[in-house]
Amino acid sequence: MELKYPIFLLLVVVALATLLLVPQKPEVIEEGPYEIEFGVSFSPLYAESLGLDPQKTYQAILDELHPKSVRLPVYWSEVERENDQFNFREVDWYLQEAGKRGVKAVLAVGYRNFRYPECYPPDW
């Protein structure tokens, strides 16, 4: 029974200290209108799986939606179809198309990626 009260007292002190130290009203950092940047993610493999021409679809998205940025996956199995044989032509094409339109490109690389299919090691 002796330990219950000191632990309870400690919890009450911590709770009160938290209430006193946490500001009651959130602090406004910046006021005024905000400019929202619109961006898109585009997966050539996903477009292809839907029966679309990935390059024409990509161009249409850039031309019709006018995004400020585009996120593009770099699929390992597409860039290195054979062991130690790298081909970045398709990635370069997508980057050039974005560049022609002044769209910032962000490459998504890694073992996992957005959309289906994710990145997996090549079958070789």
Protein backbone atom coordinates (compact mmCIF):
# COMPACT_ATOMS: atom_id res chain seq x y z
CA MET A 1 0.00 0.00 0.00
CA GLU A 2 2.89 2.35 0.57
CA LEU A 3 3.94 2.43 -3.11
CA LYS A 4 0.52 3.41 -4.52
CA TYR A 5 0.49 6.93 -3.13
CA PRO A 6 4.01 8.03 -4.24
CA ILE A 7 3.33 6.74 -7.78
CA PHE A 8 -0.07 8.45 -7.84
CA LEU A 9 1.49 11.67 -6.55
CA LEU A 10 4.20 11.50 -9.22
CA LEU A 11 1.56 11.03 -11.95
CA VAL A 12 -0.41 14.02 -10.67
CA VAL A 13 2.73 16.20 -10.64
CA VAL A 14 3.64 15.15 -14.20
CA ALA A 15 0.09 15.80 -15.42
CA LEU A 16 -0.01 19.27 -13.82
CA ALA A 17 3.43 20.15 -15.18
CA THR A 18 2.32 19.09 -18.65
CA LEU A 19 -0.79 21.26 -18.45
CA LEU A 20 1.23 24.26 -17.31
CA LEU A 21 4.00 23.88 -19.89
CA VAL A 22 1.85 23.19 -22.96
CA PRO A 23 0.58 26.40 -24.59
CA GLN A 24 -3.18 26.76 -24.45
CA LYS A 25 -3.46 28.23 -27.94
CA PRO A 26 -1.45 27.11 -30.97
CA GLU A 27 1.08 29.66 -32.12
CA VAL A 28 0.53 31.11 -35.59
CA ILE A 29 3.79 30.96 -37.48
CA GLU A 30 2.81 32.67 -40.69
CA GLU A 31 -0.31 34.44 -41.83
CA GLY A 32 -1.59 35.25 -45.27
CA PRO A 33 -2.47 33.41 -48.44
CA TYR A 34 -0.56 30.25 -49.17
CA GLU A 35 0.53 29.16 -52.60
CA ILE A 36 -0.18 25.49 -53.02
CA GLU A 37 2.04 23.59 -55.41
CA PHE A 38 0.30 20.88 -57.39
CA GLY A 39 2.30 17.76 -58.19
CA VAL A 40 1.58 14.30 -59.53
CA SER A 41 3.02 10.82 -59.30
CA PHE A 42 3.30 8.87 -62.52
CA SER A 43 4.10 5.18 -62.93
CA PRO A 44 4.80 4.04 -66.51
CA LEU A 45 4.33 0.39 -65.54
CA TYR A 46 0.96 1.10 -63.95
CA ALA A 47 -0.19 3.08 -67.00
CA GLU A 48 0.89 0.15 -69.17
CA SER A 49 -1.02 -2.31 -66.96
CA LEU A 50 -4.15 -0.23 -67.63
CA GLY A 51 -3.65 -0.63 -71.38
CA LEU A 52 -2.43 2.95 -71.87
CA ASP A 53 0.60 4.17 -73.79
CA PRO A 54 2.81 5.38 -70.91
CA GLN A 55 4.62 8.08 -72.88
CA LYS A 56 1.50 9.59 -74.45
CA THR A 57 -0.30 9.43 -71.11
CA TYR A 58 2.63 11.15 -69.38
CA GLN A 59 2.72 13.92 -71.98
CA ALA A 60 -1.04 14.43 -71.68
CA ILE A 61 -0.81 14.68 -67.88
CA LEU A 62 1.97 17.26 -68.11
CA ASP A 63 0.22 19.28 -70.83
CA GLU A 64 -3.31 19.20 -69.41
CA LEU A 65 -2.78 19.30 -65.64
CA HIS A 66 0.28 21.61 -65.60
CA PRO A 67 1.80 20.16 -62.41
CA LYS A 68 4.72 21.98 -60.82
CA SER A 69 6.39 18.69 -59.97
CA VAL A 70 6.20 15.03 -60.91
CA ARG A 71 7.35 12.00 -58.94
CA LEU A 72 8.66 9.19 -61.13
CA PRO A 73 9.63 5.70 -59.98
CA VAL A 74 12.86 4.16 -61.21
CA TYR A 75 12.18 0.43 -61.28
CA TRP A 76 15.30 -1.64 -60.79
CA SER A 77 13.98 -4.46 -62.98
CA GLU A 78 13.45 -1.97 -65.84
CA VAL A 79 16.79 -0.15 -65.56
CA GLU A 80 18.91 -3.29 -65.11
CA ARG A 81 17.18 -6.03 -67.07
CA GLU A 82 20.43 -8.00 -67.25
CA ASN A 83 23.06 -8.17 -64.54
CA ASP A 84 25.43 -5.17 -64.76
CA GLN A 85 23.71 -3.87 -67.93
CA PHE A 86 22.10 -0.52 -67.14
CA ASN A 87 19.77 1.38 -69.45
CA PHE A 88 18.45 4.76 -68.33
CA ARG A 89 17.04 5.83 -71.73
CA GLU A 90 13.42 5.60 -70.61
CA VAL A 91 14.11 7.46 -67.35
CA ASP A 92 15.99 10.12 -69.33
CA TRP A 93 13.03 10.52 -71.69
CA TYR A 94 10.63 11.16 -68.80
CA LEU A 95 13.05 13.66 -67.25
CA GLN A 96 13.50 15.49 -70.57
CA GLU A 97 9.74 15.76 -71.11
CA ALA A 98 9.34 17.26 -67.64
CA GLY A 99 12.25 19.62 -68.27
CA LYS A 100 10.75 20.87 -71.55
CA ARG A 101 7.71 22.03 -69.59
CA GLY A 102 9.55 23.45 -66.59
CA VAL A 103 8.24 20.70 -64.32
CA LYS A 104 10.45 19.62 -61.42
CA ALA A 105 11.04 15.87 -61.36
CA VAL A 106 11.63 13.78 -58.26
CA LEU A 107 12.92 10.26 -58.82
CA ALA A 108 11.65 7.61 -56.42
CA VAL A 109 14.28 4.92 -56.04
CA GLY A 110 14.71 2.13 -53.57
CA TYR A 111 13.68 -1.39 -52.80
CA ARG A 112 10.05 -0.30 -52.41
CA ASN A 113 8.22 2.20 -54.53
CA PHE A 114 4.78 3.73 -54.84
CA ARG A 115 1.94 2.12 -56.79
CA TYR A 116 1.89 -1.38 -58.18
CA PRO A 117 4.26 -2.96 -58.99
CA GLU A 118 6.74 -1.99 -56.33
CA CYS A 119 10.47 -2.44 -56.83
CA TYR A 120 11.75 -5.96 -56.61
CA PRO A 121 15.13 -7.42 -57.49
CA PRO A 122 15.33 -8.47 -61.14
CA ASP A 123 14.83 -12.14 -61.93
CA TRP A 124 18.34 -12.60 -63.26
